Protein backbone atom coordinates (compact mmCIF):
# COMPACT_ATOMS: atom_id res chain seq x y z
CA MET A 1 0.00 0.00 0.00
CA LYS A 2 2.74 2.46 0.93
CA LYS A 3 4.65 1.52 -2.21
CA ASN A 4 1.65 2.29 -4.44
CA LEU A 5 1.09 5.62 -2.69
CA LEU A 6 4.75 6.55 -3.13
CA ILE A 7 4.66 5.65 -6.82
CA ALA A 8 1.49 7.71 -7.35
CA LEU A 9 2.98 10.69 -5.50
CA LEU A 10 6.18 10.54 -7.56
CA GLY A 11 4.14 10.36 -10.76
CA ILE A 12 2.22 13.50 -9.82
CA LEU A 13 5.41 15.37 -8.92
CA ILE A 14 7.18 14.38 -12.14
CA SER A 15 4.22 15.33 -14.32
CA GLY A 16 4.10 18.74 -12.65
CA LEU A 17 7.73 19.37 -13.55
CA SER A 18 7.35 18.57 -17.24
CA TYR A 19 7.32 21.42 -19.76
CA ALA A 20 4.69 22.11 -22.37
CA GLN A 21 5.97 21.37 -25.84
CA LEU A 22 5.59 23.82 -28.72
CA THR A 23 2.63 23.22 -31.01
CA GLY A 24 0.67 25.23 -33.53
CA ILE A 25 1.66 28.33 -35.44
CA LYS A 26 4.11 30.79 -33.87
CA ASN A 27 4.79 34.20 -35.38
CA ILE A 28 8.08 36.06 -35.24
CA PRO A 29 8.07 38.88 -34.01
CA ALA A 30 4.56 38.55 -32.46
CA ASP A 31 5.14 35.42 -30.33
CA TYR A 32 8.96 35.67 -30.25
CA ALA A 33 11.04 38.82 -30.65
CA THR A 34 13.82 37.05 -32.58
CA VAL A 35 14.46 33.84 -34.47
CA ALA A 36 17.12 32.97 -31.87
CA LEU A 37 14.56 33.09 -29.03
CA ALA A 38 12.17 30.87 -30.99
CA ILE A 39 14.90 28.30 -31.71
CA ASN A 40 16.01 28.40 -28.07
CA ASP A 41 12.45 27.60 -26.92
CA LEU A 42 12.21 24.87 -29.55
CA ASN A 43 15.43 23.26 -28.32
CA THR A 44 14.42 23.60 -24.66
CA GLN A 45 10.79 22.47 -24.88
CA GLY A 46 10.69 20.28 -27.97
CA VAL A 47 7.92 19.80 -30.49
CA GLY A 48 4.51 18.57 -29.39
CA ILE A 49 2.01 16.42 -31.22
CA GLY A 50 0.97 18.08 -34.48
CA GLY A 51 4.24 19.97 -34.87
CA VAL A 52 5.01 23.65 -34.82
CA ILE A 53 5.22 26.20 -37.64
CA PHE A 54 7.23 29.41 -37.39
CA ASN A 55 5.97 32.28 -39.56
CA ILE A 56 8.87 34.71 -39.85
CA ASP A 57 8.27 38.30 -40.94
CA SER A 58 10.29 39.06 -44.08
CA VAL A 59 12.01 42.06 -42.44
CA ILE A 60 13.18 39.90 -39.52
CA LEU A 61 14.35 37.15 -41.87
CA LYS A 62 16.26 39.58 -44.08
CA HIS A 63 17.92 41.13 -41.03
CA SER A 64 18.92 37.69 -39.64
CA VAL A 65 20.45 36.60 -42.96
CA HIS A 66 22.30 39.90 -43.31
CA GLN A 67 23.79 39.48 -39.80
CA GLN A 68 24.98 35.96 -40.62
CA LEU A 69 26.65 37.12 -43.84
CA GLU A 70 28.56 39.84 -41.98
CA LYS A 71 30.23 37.30 -39.66
C-alpha cells in the first residue's frame, strides 16, 4: 500500500515538472522577438504532437540573414 502511494505521488510530482511542448503556429516577431529566441524555446521544450510552424516576418528574416553574412 505504501509503495503504491509513493509511486502515485512521484508520478504526480514528475508530471508537474514537465514542460509544455511547442505546437501550432508561432509568429516572429509577435510570439517571439527574434528567431534565436524561438529556436532556443524549440530546443528547450521540444515539439509537441501536431508539430510547430514558425511564420517569420520578411524584415526579420532579411535582417537575420544579413547578420549571418557579416560574420
